[in-house]
Amino acid sequence: MVNQGVLGLRPISPPRGFSLIETLVVLALVGILMASVSLGFLQSNKKSLQAHADRLQLLASVVSDRSVLLNRPHRLVIDHQGVWVEEWSRGQWLGQLPPPFHFRPWMERVELVSEPQVLGFSRMGQTAGAQLELGRGADRVRVRLDDVL
């Protein structure tokens, strides 16, 4: 026969809660996940800034093509507020052009780190070129706008 005192020491229901080892494993997994997400976020910031620089180079290329097609000088104005294109017509610079040539403010906390630039395009689409720097926080990217032909 079993002693009644020993039966009284056994728990009637299973223990509730998590053990220390289970808690540490979960915390380690959460830490690894958070580290990988934060590294991915930092890389996506750099990629987004580079994509913004690539769009600026593409816009310069399109302005060069437009100046050849219309046989008119154009200029790409890049300042701290944004980017826009102006066209020489009837003795003055016209800035009210249709998209994608209209004024575009910098997006996604992107800013012009270097000095503002005015990049002129001849009727033949040629330009003297420019070099500028875009930034977002601590990230920087240099943009060359001289190889647009």
Protein backbone atom coordinates (compact mmCIF):
# COMPACT_ATOMS: atom_id res chain seq x y z
CA MET A 1 0.00 0.00 0.00
CA VAL A 2 1.23 3.45 -0.87
CA ASN A 3 1.85 5.89 1.90
CA GLN A 4 -0.69 8.72 1.90
CA GLY A 5 2.00 11.26 2.71
CA VAL A 6 3.83 10.60 -0.56
CA LEU A 7 0.67 11.03 -2.63
CA GLY A 8 0.05 14.38 -1.02
CA LEU A 9 3.39 15.72 -2.33
CA ARG A 10 2.59 15.06 -6.00
CA PRO A 11 1.05 17.99 -7.87
CA ILE A 12 -2.58 17.47 -8.76
CA SER A 13 -2.35 19.55 -12.00
CA PRO A 14 0.64 20.04 -14.34
CA PRO A 15 2.84 23.07 -13.61
CA ARG A 16 1.77 26.32 -15.27
CA GLY A 17 3.99 28.85 -17.06
CA PHE A 18 7.24 28.47 -18.95
CA SER A 19 10.52 27.16 -17.73
CA LEU A 20 13.60 29.37 -17.72
CA ILE A 21 15.12 27.49 -20.68
CA GLU A 22 11.98 27.93 -22.81
CA THR A 23 11.94 31.67 -22.05
CA LEU A 24 15.62 32.06 -22.95
CA VAL A 25 15.15 30.21 -26.26
CA VAL A 26 12.23 32.44 -27.23
CA LEU A 27 14.16 35.61 -26.30
CA ALA A 28 17.17 34.46 -28.36
CA LEU A 29 14.94 33.81 -31.39
CA VAL A 30 13.26 37.20 -31.06
CA GLY A 31 16.68 38.89 -30.82
CA ILE A 32 17.94 37.14 -33.96
CA LEU A 33 14.79 38.11 -35.86
CA MET A 34 15.03 41.75 -34.77
CA ALA A 35 18.70 41.93 -35.80
CA SER A 36 18.00 40.53 -39.27
CA VAL A 37 15.05 42.89 -39.79
CA SER A 38 17.08 45.94 -38.75
CA LEU A 39 19.96 44.99 -41.08
CA GLY A 40 17.51 44.52 -43.93
CA PHE A 41 15.95 47.90 -43.17
CA LEU A 42 19.34 49.65 -43.32
CA GLN A 43 20.15 48.01 -46.64
CA SER A 44 16.74 48.95 -48.05
CA ASN A 45 17.44 52.62 -47.15
CA LYS A 46 20.66 52.54 -49.17
CA LYS A 47 18.94 50.81 -52.07
CA SER A 48 16.12 53.34 -52.03
CA LEU A 49 18.59 56.23 -52.06
CA GLN A 50 20.47 54.63 -54.97
CA ALA A 51 17.17 54.16 -56.82
CA HIS A 52 16.47 57.88 -56.33
CA ALA A 53 19.88 58.70 -57.83
CA ASP A 54 19.19 56.36 -60.76
CA ARG A 55 15.87 58.11 -61.44
CA LEU A 56 17.69 61.45 -61.48
CA GLN A 57 20.16 60.11 -64.06
CA LEU A 58 17.29 58.76 -66.13
CA LEU A 59 15.54 62.14 -66.01
CA ALA A 60 18.73 63.81 -67.29
CA SER A 61 18.82 61.33 -70.15
CA VAL A 62 15.18 62.03 -71.03
CA VAL A 63 15.81 65.80 -70.95
CA SER A 64 18.73 65.28 -73.33
CA ASP A 65 16.47 63.36 -75.72
CA ARG A 66 13.74 65.99 -75.46
CA SER A 67 16.15 68.80 -76.31
CA VAL A 68 17.19 66.93 -79.47
CA LEU A 69 13.63 66.07 -80.50
CA LEU A 70 12.27 69.60 -80.01
CA ASN A 71 15.50 71.28 -81.18
CA ARG A 72 15.42 73.59 -78.16
CA PRO A 73 17.82 74.12 -75.26
CA HIS A 74 16.68 72.70 -71.93
CA ARG A 75 18.02 72.82 -68.42
CA LEU A 76 17.63 70.54 -65.46
CA VAL A 77 17.40 72.50 -62.21
CA ILE A 78 18.38 70.63 -59.05
CA ASP A 79 18.09 72.47 -55.74
CA HIS A 80 17.33 71.76 -52.09
CA GLN A 81 13.55 71.72 -52.66
CA GLY A 82 13.51 69.33 -55.61
CA VAL A 83 14.07 68.88 -59.34
CA TRP A 84 12.43 70.39 -62.42
CA VAL A 85 13.06 70.97 -66.11
CA GLU A 86 12.89 74.26 -67.99
CA GLU A 87 12.67 74.73 -71.75
CA TRP A 88 13.93 77.71 -73.77
CA SER A 89 11.04 79.02 -75.86
CA ARG A 90 10.29 82.46 -77.32
CA GLY A 91 13.24 84.08 -75.60
CA GLN A 92 12.58 82.84 -72.05
CA TRP A 93 12.84 79.79 -69.85
CA LEU A 94 9.49 78.04 -69.39
CA GLY A 95 9.15 75.91 -66.30
CA GLN A 96 5.54 74.75 -66.67
CA LEU A 97 6.23 71.54 -68.56
CA PRO A 98 4.12 68.37 -68.46
CA PRO A 99 5.09 65.37 -66.34
CA PRO A 100 7.75 64.01 -65.87
CA PHE A 101 9.37 67.43 -66.39
CA HIS A 102 7.36 69.39 -63.84
CA PHE A 103 8.62 70.23 -60.34
CA ARG A 104 9.22 67.19 -58.16
CA PRO A 105 10.10 67.62 -54.49
CA TRP A 106 12.62 65.28 -52.91
CA MET A 107 10.86 62.24 -51.56
CA GLU A 108 11.37 59.86 -48.66
CA ARG A 109 13.54 62.21 -46.57
CA VAL A 110 16.07 62.49 -49.44
CA GLU A 111 17.98 65.75 -49.52
CA LEU A 112 20.53 67.42 -51.77
CA VAL A 113 23.77 67.48 -49.79
CA SER A 114 25.87 69.28 -52.41
CA GLU A 115 25.29 72.73 -53.88
CA PRO A 116 22.28 73.31 -56.18
CA GLN A 117 23.02 72.69 -59.85
CA VAL A 118 21.61 73.93 -63.16
CA LEU A 119 22.48 71.45 -65.88
CA GLY A 120 22.09 72.93 -69.35
CA PHE A 121 21.40 70.87 -72.50
CA SER A 122 22.08 72.21 -76.00
CA ARG A 123 19.81 71.59 -78.98
CA MET A 124 22.01 68.61 -79.74
CA GLY A 125 21.39 67.13 -76.27
CA GLN A 126 24.93 67.82 -75.07
CA THR A 127 25.68 68.96 -71.56
CA ALA A 128 28.71 70.08 -69.57
CA GLY A 129 27.71 67.61 -66.87
CA ALA A 130 27.44 67.89 -63.13
CA GLN A 131 28.23 65.91 -60.03
CA LEU A 132 26.08 66.09 -56.93
CA GLU A 133 25.46 64.22 -53.74
CA LEU A 134 22.16 63.00 -52.34
CA GLY A 135 21.71 61.95 -48.76
CA ARG A 136 19.27 60.45 -46.31
CA GLY A 137 20.43 60.58 -42.75
CA ALA A 138 23.99 59.24 -42.64
CA ASP A 139 23.75 57.53 -46.05
CA ARG A 140 25.20 59.33 -49.09
CA VAL A 141 25.30 58.63 -52.81
CA ARG A 142 27.15 60.53 -55.55
CA VAL A 143 25.38 61.17 -58.84
CA ARG A 144 27.19 61.98 -62.09
CA LEU A 145 25.08 63.55 -64.78
CA ASP A 146 27.62 63.87 -67.57
CA ASP A 147 27.21 60.56 -69.40
CA VAL A 148 23.63 61.09 -70.50
CA LEU A 149 24.12 60.76 -74.26
